[in-house]
Full PDB file with SEQRES, HELIX, SHEET, SSBOND, CRYST1, ORIGX, SCALE, CONECT and MASTER records, all heavy atoms in Angstrom:
SEQRES   1 A   30  GLN GLN GLY LEU ARG GLU GLY PHE GLY LEU GLU LEU ILE          
SEQRES   2 A   30  VAL ASP ASP GLN ASP PHE THR HIS ASP TRP LEU ARG GLN          
SEQRES   3 A   30  GLY GLU VAL LEU                                              
HELIX    1 AA1 GLN A    2  GLU A    6  1                                   5    
HELIX    2 AA2 THR A   20  ARG A   25  1                                   6    
CRYST1    1.000    1.000    1.000  90.00  90.00  90.00 P 1           1          
ORIGX1      1.000000  0.000000  0.000000        0.00000                         
ORIGX2      0.000000  1.000000  0.000000        0.00000                         
ORIGX3      0.000000  0.000000  1.000000        0.00000                         
SCALE1      1.000000  0.000000  0.000000        0.00000                         
SCALE2      0.000000  1.000000  0.000000        0.00000                         
SCALE3      0.000000  0.000000  1.000000        0.00000                         
ATOM      1  N   GLN A   1    -126.377  22.721 -19.885  1.00  0.00           N  
ATOM      2  CA  GLN A   1    -126.161  24.163 -19.714  1.00  0.00           C  
ATOM      3  C   GLN A   1    -126.667  24.935 -20.930  1.00  0.00           C  
ATOM      4  O   GLN A   1    -127.262  26.018 -20.795  1.00  0.00           O  
ATOM      5  CB  GLN A   1    -124.673  24.455 -19.488  1.00  0.00           C  
ATOM      6  CG  GLN A   1    -124.078  23.800 -18.246  1.00  0.00           C  
ATOM      7  CD  GLN A   1    -124.766  24.235 -16.960  1.00  0.00           C  
ATOM      8  OE1 GLN A   1    -125.305  25.333 -16.853  1.00  0.00           O  
ATOM      9  NE2 GLN A   1    -124.772  23.350 -15.980  1.00  0.00           N  
ATOM     10  N   GLN A   2    -126.480  24.377 -22.108  1.00  0.00           N  
ATOM     11  CA  GLN A   2    -127.016  24.989 -23.333  1.00  0.00           C  
ATOM     12  C   GLN A   2    -128.537  25.014 -23.284  1.00  0.00           C  
ATOM     13  O   GLN A   2    -129.173  25.999 -23.677  1.00  0.00           O  
ATOM     14  CB  GLN A   2    -126.540  24.196 -24.551  1.00  0.00           C  
ATOM     15  CG  GLN A   2    -127.108  24.673 -25.886  1.00  0.00           C  
ATOM     16  CD  GLN A   2    -126.727  23.744 -27.026  1.00  0.00           C  
ATOM     17  OE1 GLN A   2    -125.742  23.010 -26.954  1.00  0.00           O  
ATOM     18  NE2 GLN A   2    -127.513  23.754 -28.085  1.00  0.00           N  
ATOM     19  N   GLY A   3    -129.122  23.924 -22.779  1.00  0.00           N  
ATOM     20  CA  GLY A   3    -130.571  23.852 -22.678  1.00  0.00           C  
ATOM     21  C   GLY A   3    -131.137  24.899 -21.742  1.00  0.00           C  
ATOM     22  O   GLY A   3    -132.226  25.433 -21.969  1.00  0.00           O  
ATOM     23  N   LEU A   4    -130.410  25.208 -20.664  1.00  0.00           N  
ATOM     24  CA  LEU A   4    -130.856  26.253 -19.745  1.00  0.00           C  
ATOM     25  C   LEU A   4    -130.929  27.604 -20.448  1.00  0.00           C  
ATOM     26  O   LEU A   4    -131.800  28.424 -20.159  1.00  0.00           O  
ATOM     27  CB  LEU A   4    -129.910  26.336 -18.549  1.00  0.00           C  
ATOM     28  CG  LEU A   4    -129.938  25.140 -17.580  1.00  0.00           C  
ATOM     29  CD1 LEU A   4    -128.847  25.283 -16.524  1.00  0.00           C  
ATOM     30  CD2 LEU A   4    -131.300  25.020 -16.918  1.00  0.00           C  
ATOM     31  N   ARG A   5    -130.016  27.817 -21.390  1.00  0.00           N  
ATOM     32  CA  ARG A   5    -130.012  29.091 -22.130  1.00  0.00           C  
ATOM     33  C   ARG A   5    -131.080  29.107 -23.217  1.00  0.00           C  
ATOM     34  O   ARG A   5    -131.733  30.130 -23.442  1.00  0.00           O  
ATOM     35  CB  ARG A   5    -128.635  29.324 -22.755  1.00  0.00           C  
ATOM     36  CG  ARG A   5    -127.502  29.500 -21.748  1.00  0.00           C  
ATOM     37  CD  ARG A   5    -126.233  29.978 -22.431  1.00  0.00           C  
ATOM     38  NE  ARG A   5    -125.751  29.041 -23.438  1.00  0.00           N  
ATOM     39  CZ  ARG A   5    -124.905  28.036 -23.189  1.00  0.00           C  
ATOM     40  NH1 ARG A   5    -124.470  27.831 -21.948  1.00  0.00           N  
ATOM     41  NH2 ARG A   5    -124.508  27.234 -24.151  1.00  0.00           N  
ATOM     42  N   GLU A   6    -131.283  27.977 -23.892  1.00  0.00           N  
ATOM     43  CA  GLU A   6    -132.170  27.949 -25.055  1.00  0.00           C  
ATOM     44  C   GLU A   6    -133.586  27.490 -24.727  1.00  0.00           C  
ATOM     45  O   GLU A   6    -134.477  27.609 -25.563  1.00  0.00           O  
ATOM     46  CB  GLU A   6    -131.573  27.043 -26.135  1.00  0.00           C  
ATOM     47  CG  GLU A   6    -130.223  27.541 -26.660  1.00  0.00           C  
ATOM     48  CD  GLU A   6    -129.717  26.697 -27.805  1.00  0.00           C  
ATOM     49  OE1 GLU A   6    -130.478  25.834 -28.304  1.00  0.00           O  
ATOM     50  OE2 GLU A   6    -128.557  26.891 -28.220  1.00  0.00           O  
ATOM     51  N   GLY A   7    -133.795  26.943 -23.534  1.00  0.00           N  
ATOM     52  CA  GLY A   7    -135.152  26.618 -23.115  1.00  0.00           C  
ATOM     53  C   GLY A   7    -135.583  25.185 -23.298  1.00  0.00           C  
ATOM     54  O   GLY A   7    -136.728  24.849 -23.007  1.00  0.00           O  
ATOM     55  N   PHE A   8    -134.710  24.311 -23.776  1.00  0.00           N  
ATOM     56  CA  PHE A   8    -135.111  22.905 -23.902  1.00  0.00           C  
ATOM     57  C   PHE A   8    -134.581  22.123 -22.704  1.00  0.00           C  
ATOM     58  O   PHE A   8    -133.694  22.574 -21.981  1.00  0.00           O  
ATOM     59  CB  PHE A   8    -134.602  22.292 -25.213  1.00  0.00           C  
ATOM     60  CG  PHE A   8    -133.096  22.208 -25.328  1.00  0.00           C  
ATOM     61  CD1 PHE A   8    -132.386  21.142 -24.795  1.00  0.00           C  
ATOM     62  CD2 PHE A   8    -132.384  23.205 -25.987  1.00  0.00           C  
ATOM     63  CE1 PHE A   8    -131.016  21.064 -24.900  1.00  0.00           C  
ATOM     64  CE2 PHE A   8    -131.010  23.135 -26.108  1.00  0.00           C  
ATOM     65  CZ  PHE A   8    -130.320  22.060 -25.564  1.00  0.00           C  
ATOM     66  N   GLY A   9    -135.152  20.942 -22.494  1.00  0.00           N  
ATOM     67  CA  GLY A   9    -134.760  20.155 -21.331  1.00  0.00           C  
ATOM     68  C   GLY A   9    -134.578  18.691 -21.666  1.00  0.00           C  
ATOM     69  O   GLY A   9    -135.203  18.161 -22.590  1.00  0.00           O  
ATOM     70  N   LEU A  10    -133.706  18.025 -20.904  1.00  0.00           N  
ATOM     71  CA  LEU A  10    -133.524  16.586 -21.000  1.00  0.00           C  
ATOM     72  C   LEU A  10    -134.200  15.921 -19.813  1.00  0.00           C  
ATOM     73  O   LEU A  10    -134.232  16.472 -18.718  1.00  0.00           O  
ATOM     74  CB  LEU A  10    -132.036  16.226 -20.994  1.00  0.00           C  
ATOM     75  CG  LEU A  10    -131.173  16.694 -22.168  1.00  0.00           C  
ATOM     76  CD1 LEU A  10    -129.726  16.251 -21.958  1.00  0.00           C  
ATOM     77  CD2 LEU A  10    -131.700  16.151 -23.484  1.00  0.00           C  
ATOM     78  N   GLU A  11    -134.739  14.747 -20.029  1.00  0.00           N  
ATOM     79  CA  GLU A  11    -135.280  13.941 -18.939  1.00  0.00           C  
ATOM     80  C   GLU A  11    -134.545  12.620 -18.923  1.00  0.00           C  
ATOM     81  O   GLU A  11    -134.542  11.887 -19.923  1.00  0.00           O  
ATOM     82  CB  GLU A  11    -136.777  13.712 -19.117  1.00  0.00           C  
ATOM     83  CG  GLU A  11    -137.373  12.851 -18.012  1.00  0.00           C  
ATOM     84  CD  GLU A  11    -138.868  12.633 -18.168  1.00  0.00           C  
ATOM     85  OE1 GLU A  11    -139.433  13.107 -19.176  1.00  0.00           O  
ATOM     86  OE2 GLU A  11    -139.454  11.986 -17.292  1.00  0.00           O  
ATOM     87  N   LEU A  12    -133.900  12.294 -17.811  1.00  0.00           N  
ATOM     88  CA  LEU A  12    -133.153  11.057 -17.683  1.00  0.00           C  
ATOM     89  C   LEU A  12    -134.002  10.028 -16.951  1.00  0.00           C  
ATOM     90  O   LEU A  12    -134.457  10.269 -15.826  1.00  0.00           O  
ATOM     91  CB  LEU A  12    -131.847  11.296 -16.917  1.00  0.00           C  
ATOM     92  CG  LEU A  12    -130.884  12.324 -17.524  1.00  0.00           C  
ATOM     93  CD1 LEU A  12    -129.632  12.448 -16.670  1.00  0.00           C  
ATOM     94  CD2 LEU A  12    -130.519  11.954 -18.951  1.00  0.00           C  
ATOM     95  N   ILE A  13    -134.228   8.909 -17.595  1.00  0.00           N  
ATOM     96  CA  ILE A  13    -134.994   7.810 -17.011  1.00  0.00           C  
ATOM     97  C   ILE A  13    -134.020   6.671 -16.742  1.00  0.00           C  
ATOM     98  O   ILE A  13    -133.220   6.310 -17.611  1.00  0.00           O  
ATOM     99  CB  ILE A  13    -136.113   7.364 -17.966  1.00  0.00           C  
ATOM    100  CG1 ILE A  13    -137.140   8.497 -18.110  1.00  0.00           C  
ATOM    101  CG2 ILE A  13    -136.781   6.086 -17.470  1.00  0.00           C  
ATOM    102  CD1 ILE A  13    -138.176   8.249 -19.167  1.00  0.00           C  
ATOM    103  N   VAL A  14    -134.057   6.119 -15.529  1.00  0.00           N  
ATOM    104  CA  VAL A  14    -133.063   5.145 -15.101  1.00  0.00           C  
ATOM    105  C   VAL A  14    -133.661   3.744 -15.061  1.00  0.00           C  
ATOM    106  O   VAL A  14    -134.763   3.527 -14.545  1.00  0.00           O  
ATOM    107  CB  VAL A  14    -132.507   5.517 -13.707  1.00  0.00           C  
ATOM    108  CG1 VAL A  14    -131.483   4.484 -13.249  1.00  0.00           C  
ATOM    109  CG2 VAL A  14    -131.872   6.894 -13.743  1.00  0.00           C  
ATOM    110  N   ASP A  15    -132.913   2.795 -15.619  1.00  0.00           N  
ATOM    111  CA  ASP A  15    -133.278   1.384 -15.522  1.00  0.00           C  
ATOM    112  C   ASP A  15    -132.003   0.570 -15.689  1.00  0.00           C  
ATOM    113  O   ASP A  15    -130.943   1.113 -16.014  1.00  0.00           O  
ATOM    114  CB  ASP A  15    -134.315   1.007 -16.593  1.00  0.00           C  
ATOM    115  CG  ASP A  15    -135.159  -0.197 -16.201  1.00  0.00           C  
ATOM    116  OD1 ASP A  15    -134.715  -0.978 -15.324  1.00  0.00           O  
ATOM    117  OD2 ASP A  15    -136.246  -0.386 -16.761  1.00  0.00           O  
ATOM    118  N   ASP A  16    -132.111  -0.730 -15.486  1.00  0.00           N  
ATOM    119  CA  ASP A  16    -130.973  -1.610 -15.705  1.00  0.00           C  
ATOM    120  C   ASP A  16    -130.541  -1.546 -17.166  1.00  0.00           C  
ATOM    121  O   ASP A  16    -131.371  -1.366 -18.063  1.00  0.00           O  
ATOM    122  CB  ASP A  16    -131.371  -3.054 -15.332  1.00  0.00           C  
ATOM    123  CG  ASP A  16    -130.217  -4.016 -15.419  1.00  0.00           C  
ATOM    124  OD1 ASP A  16    -129.492  -4.186 -14.429  1.00  0.00           O  
ATOM    125  OD2 ASP A  16    -130.033  -4.603 -16.503  1.00  0.00           O  
ATOM    126  N   GLN A  17    -129.227  -1.709 -17.406  1.00  0.00           N  
ATOM    127  CA  GLN A  17    -128.708  -1.559 -18.760  1.00  0.00           C  
ATOM    128  C   GLN A  17    -129.281  -2.578 -19.745  1.00  0.00           C  
ATOM    129  O   GLN A  17    -129.277  -2.354 -20.950  1.00  0.00           O  
ATOM    130  CB  GLN A  17    -127.175  -1.671 -18.768  1.00  0.00           C  
ATOM    131  CG  GLN A  17    -126.609  -2.974 -18.243  1.00  0.00           C  
ATOM    132  CD  GLN A  17    -126.300  -2.904 -16.764  1.00  0.00           C  
ATOM    133  OE1 GLN A  17    -126.567  -1.903 -16.104  1.00  0.00           O  
ATOM    134  NE2 GLN A  17    -125.713  -3.970 -16.230  1.00  0.00           N  
ATOM    135  N   ASP A  18    -129.801  -3.707 -19.221  1.00  0.00           N  
ATOM    136  CA  ASP A  18    -130.415  -4.693 -20.097  1.00  0.00           C  
ATOM    137  C   ASP A  18    -131.875  -4.373 -20.398  1.00  0.00           C  
ATOM    138  O   ASP A  18    -132.493  -5.048 -21.229  1.00  0.00           O  
ATOM    139  CB  ASP A  18    -130.338  -6.086 -19.463  1.00  0.00           C  
ATOM    140  CG  ASP A  18    -128.897  -6.568 -19.297  1.00  0.00           C  
ATOM    141  OD1 ASP A  18    -128.034  -6.123 -20.068  1.00  0.00           O  
ATOM    142  OD2 ASP A  18    -128.645  -7.372 -18.380  1.00  0.00           O  
ATOM    143  N   PHE A  19    -132.437  -3.354 -19.732  1.00  0.00           N  
ATOM    144  CA  PHE A  19    -133.865  -3.060 -19.872  1.00  0.00           C  
ATOM    145  C   PHE A  19    -134.156  -1.663 -20.416  1.00  0.00           C  
ATOM    146  O   PHE A  19    -135.304  -1.360 -20.740  1.00  0.00           O  
ATOM    147  CB  PHE A  19    -134.571  -3.231 -18.519  1.00  0.00           C  
ATOM    148  CG  PHE A  19    -134.595  -4.658 -18.035  1.00  0.00           C  
ATOM    149  CD1 PHE A  19    -133.528  -5.176 -17.323  1.00  0.00           C  
ATOM    150  CD2 PHE A  19    -135.669  -5.482 -18.308  1.00  0.00           C  
ATOM    151  CE1 PHE A  19    -133.531  -6.491 -16.879  1.00  0.00           C  
ATOM    152  CE2 PHE A  19    -135.688  -6.797 -17.862  1.00  0.00           C  
ATOM    153  CZ  PHE A  19    -134.612  -7.301 -17.152  1.00  0.00           C  
ATOM    154  N   THR A  20    -133.144  -0.794 -20.500  1.00  0.00           N  
ATOM    155  CA  THR A  20    -133.388   0.543 -21.057  1.00  0.00           C  
ATOM    156  C   THR A  20    -133.898   0.470 -22.491  1.00  0.00           C  
ATOM    157  O   THR A  20    -134.648   1.338 -22.941  1.00  0.00           O  
ATOM    158  CB  THR A  20    -132.091   1.385 -21.018  1.00  0.00           C  
ATOM    159  OG1 THR A  20    -131.025   0.634 -21.628  1.00  0.00           O  
ATOM    160  CG2 THR A  20    -131.707   1.736 -19.594  1.00  0.00           C  
ATOM    161  N   HIS A  21    -133.505  -0.580 -23.199  1.00  0.00           N  
ATOM    162  CA  HIS A  21    -133.931  -0.754 -24.588  1.00  0.00           C  
ATOM    163  C   HIS A  21    -135.444  -0.910 -24.688  1.00  0.00           C  
ATOM    164  O   HIS A  21    -136.054  -0.515 -25.697  1.00  0.00           O  
ATOM    165  CB  HIS A  21    -133.223  -1.980 -25.180  1.00  0.00           C  
ATOM    166  CG  HIS A  21    -133.123  -1.979 -26.662  1.00  0.00           C  
ATOM    167  ND1 HIS A  21    -133.807  -2.876 -27.451  1.00  0.00           N  
ATOM    168  CD2 HIS A  21    -132.429  -1.186 -27.517  1.00  0.00           C  
ATOM    169  CE1 HIS A  21    -133.531  -2.649 -28.715  1.00  0.00           C  
ATOM    170  NE2 HIS A  21    -132.708  -1.630 -28.791  1.00  0.00           N  
ATOM    171  N   ASP A  22    -136.054  -1.494 -23.655  1.00  0.00           N  
ATOM    172  CA  ASP A  22    -137.512  -1.649 -23.667  1.00  0.00           C  
ATOM    173  C   ASP A  22    -138.212  -0.295 -23.655  1.00  0.00           C  
ATOM    174  O   ASP A  22    -139.278  -0.126 -24.264  1.00  0.00           O  
ATOM    175  CB  ASP A  22    -137.969  -2.471 -22.454  1.00  0.00           C  
ATOM    176  CG  ASP A  22    -137.506  -3.915 -22.531  1.00  0.00           C  
ATOM    177  OD1 ASP A  22    -137.219  -4.378 -23.642  1.00  0.00           O  
ATOM    178  OD2 ASP A  22    -137.420  -4.568 -21.475  1.00  0.00           O  
ATOM    179  N   TRP A  23    -137.638   0.693 -22.951  1.00  0.00           N  
ATOM    180  CA  TRP A  23    -138.221   2.031 -22.927  1.00  0.00           C  
ATOM    181  C   TRP A  23    -138.219   2.633 -24.336  1.00  0.00           C  
ATOM    182  O   TRP A  23    -139.168   3.319 -24.735  1.00  0.00           O  
ATOM    183  CB  TRP A  23    -137.423   2.933 -21.979  1.00  0.00           C  
ATOM    184  CG  TRP A  23    -137.592   2.605 -20.534  1.00  0.00           C  
ATOM    185  CD1 TRP A  23    -136.962   1.623 -19.831  1.00  0.00           C  
ATOM    186  CD2 TRP A  23    -138.460   3.254 -19.604  1.00  0.00           C  
ATOM    187  NE1 TRP A  23    -137.374   1.629 -18.516  1.00  0.00           N  
ATOM    188  CE2 TRP A  23    -138.293   2.619 -18.350  1.00  0.00           C  
ATOM    189  CE3 TRP A  23    -139.344   4.323 -19.701  1.00  0.00           C  
ATOM    190  CZ2 TRP A  23    -138.978   3.015 -17.212  1.00  0.00           C  
ATOM    191  CZ3 TRP A  23    -140.032   4.713 -18.558  1.00  0.00           C  
ATOM    192  CH2 TRP A  23    -139.853   4.058 -17.344  1.00  0.00           C  
ATOM    193  N   LEU A  24    -137.152   2.371 -25.089  1.00  0.00           N  
ATOM    194  CA  LEU A  24    -137.067   2.868 -26.462  1.00  0.00           C  
ATOM    195  C   LEU A  24    -138.092   2.168 -27.343  1.00  0.00           C  
ATOM    196  O   LEU A  24    -138.791   2.808 -28.137  1.00  0.00           O  
ATOM    197  CB  LEU A  24    -135.650   2.634 -27.004  1.00  0.00           C  
ATOM    198  CG  LEU A  24    -135.338   3.226 -28.379  1.00  0.00           C  
ATOM    199  CD1 LEU A  24    -135.232   4.745 -28.302  1.00  0.00           C  
ATOM    200  CD2 LEU A  24    -134.039   2.637 -28.934  1.00  0.00           C  
ATOM    201  N   ARG A  25    -138.209   0.865 -27.205  1.00  0.00           N  
ATOM    202  CA  ARG A  25    -139.140   0.087 -28.028  1.00  0.00           C  
ATOM    203  C   ARG A  25    -140.582   0.534 -27.793  1.00  0.00           C  
ATOM    204  O   ARG A  25    -141.389   0.589 -28.726  1.00  0.00           O  
ATOM    205  CB  ARG A  25    -138.995  -1.400 -27.711  1.00  0.00           C  
ATOM    206  CG  ARG A  25    -139.944  -2.299 -28.515  1.00  0.00           C  
ATOM    207  CD  ARG A  25    -139.818  -3.762 -28.120  1.00  0.00           C  
ATOM    208  NE  ARG A  25    -138.505  -4.298 -28.442  1.00  0.00           N  
ATOM    209  CZ  ARG A  25    -137.560  -4.564 -27.557  1.00  0.00           C  
ATOM    210  NH1 ARG A  25    -137.781  -4.340 -26.266  1.00  0.00           N  
ATOM    211  NH2 ARG A  25    -136.413  -5.060 -27.930  1.00  0.00           N  
ATOM    212  N   GLN A  26    -140.909   0.870 -26.557  1.00  0.00           N  
ATOM    213  CA  GLN A  26    -142.273   1.256 -26.223  1.00  0.00           C  
ATOM    214  C   GLN A  26    -142.575   2.722 -26.522  1.00  0.00           C  
ATOM    215  O   GLN A  26    -143.697   3.173 -26.298  1.00  0.00           O  
ATOM    216  CB  GLN A  26    -142.525   0.974 -24.739  1.00  0.00           C  
ATOM    217  CG  GLN A  26    -142.493  -0.501 -24.390  1.00  0.00           C  
ATOM    218  CD  GLN A  26    -142.533  -0.761 -22.897  1.00  0.00           C  
ATOM    219  OE1 GLN A  26    -142.834   0.137 -22.109  1.00  0.00           O  
ATOM    220  NE2 GLN A  26    -142.223  -1.977 -22.488  1.00  0.00           N  
ATOM    221  N   GLY A  27    -141.579   3.464 -27.003  1.00  0.00           N  
ATOM    222  CA  GLY A  27    -141.805   4.862 -27.356  1.00  0.00           C  
ATOM    223  C   GLY A  27    -141.722   5.815 -26.188  1.00  0.00           C  
ATOM    224  O   GLY A  27    -142.005   6.998 -26.333  1.00  0.00           O  
ATOM    225  N   GLU A  28    -141.323   5.317 -25.003  1.00  0.00           N  
ATOM    226  CA  GLU A  28    -141.245   6.181 -23.830  1.00  0.00           C  
ATOM    227  C   GLU A  28    -140.082   7.162 -23.916  1.00  0.00           C  
ATOM    228  O   GLU A  28    -140.124   8.240 -23.326  1.00  0.00           O  
ATOM    229  CB  GLU A  28    -141.105   5.333 -22.557  1.00  0.00           C  
ATOM    230  CG  GLU A  28    -142.282   4.417 -22.271  1.00  0.00           C  
ATOM    231  CD  GLU A  28    -143.436   5.161 -21.617  1.00  0.00           C  
ATOM    232  OE1 GLU A  28    -143.317   6.377 -21.398  1.00  0.00           O  
ATOM    233  OE2 GLU A  28    -144.466   4.514 -21.345  1.00  0.00           O  
ATOM    234  N   VAL A  29    -139.009   6.764 -24.617  1.00  0.00           N  
ATOM    235  CA  VAL A  29    -137.831   7.614 -24.741  1.00  0.00           C  
ATOM    236  C   VAL A  29    -137.411   7.678 -26.204  1.00  0.00           C  
ATOM    237  O   VAL A  29    -137.814   6.852 -27.027  1.00  0.00           O  
ATOM    238  CB  VAL A  29    -136.660   7.093 -23.875  1.00  0.00           C  
ATOM    239  CG1 VAL A  29    -137.039   7.081 -22.399  1.00  0.00           C  
ATOM    240  CG2 VAL A  29    -136.207   5.706 -24.324  1.00  0.00           C  
ATOM    241  N   LEU A  30    -136.558   8.664 -26.506  1.00  0.00           N  
ATOM    242  CA  LEU A  30    -136.054   8.826 -27.869  1.00  0.00           C  
ATOM    243  C   LEU A  30    -134.661   8.236 -28.043  1.00  0.00           C  
ATOM    244  O   LEU A  30    -134.181   8.095 -29.170  1.00  0.00           O  
ATOM    245  CB  LEU A  30    -136.023  10.315 -28.245  1.00  0.00           C  
ATOM    246  CG  LEU A  30    -137.391  10.956 -28.436  1.00  0.00           C  
ATOM    247  CD1 LEU A  30    -137.251  12.471 -28.583  1.00  0.00           C  
ATOM    248  CD2 LEU A  30    -138.086  10.379 -29.663  1.00  0.00           C  
TER     249      LEU A  30                                                      
MASTER        0    0    0    2    0    0    0    6  248    1    0    3          
END                                                                             
């Protein structure tokens, strides 16, 4: 809701809990 006011956005990427770490390692997510 704060982002809607200030103009920034979140992007949620879904994967298995054992594999989300790979997205971080590859630089796809912060």
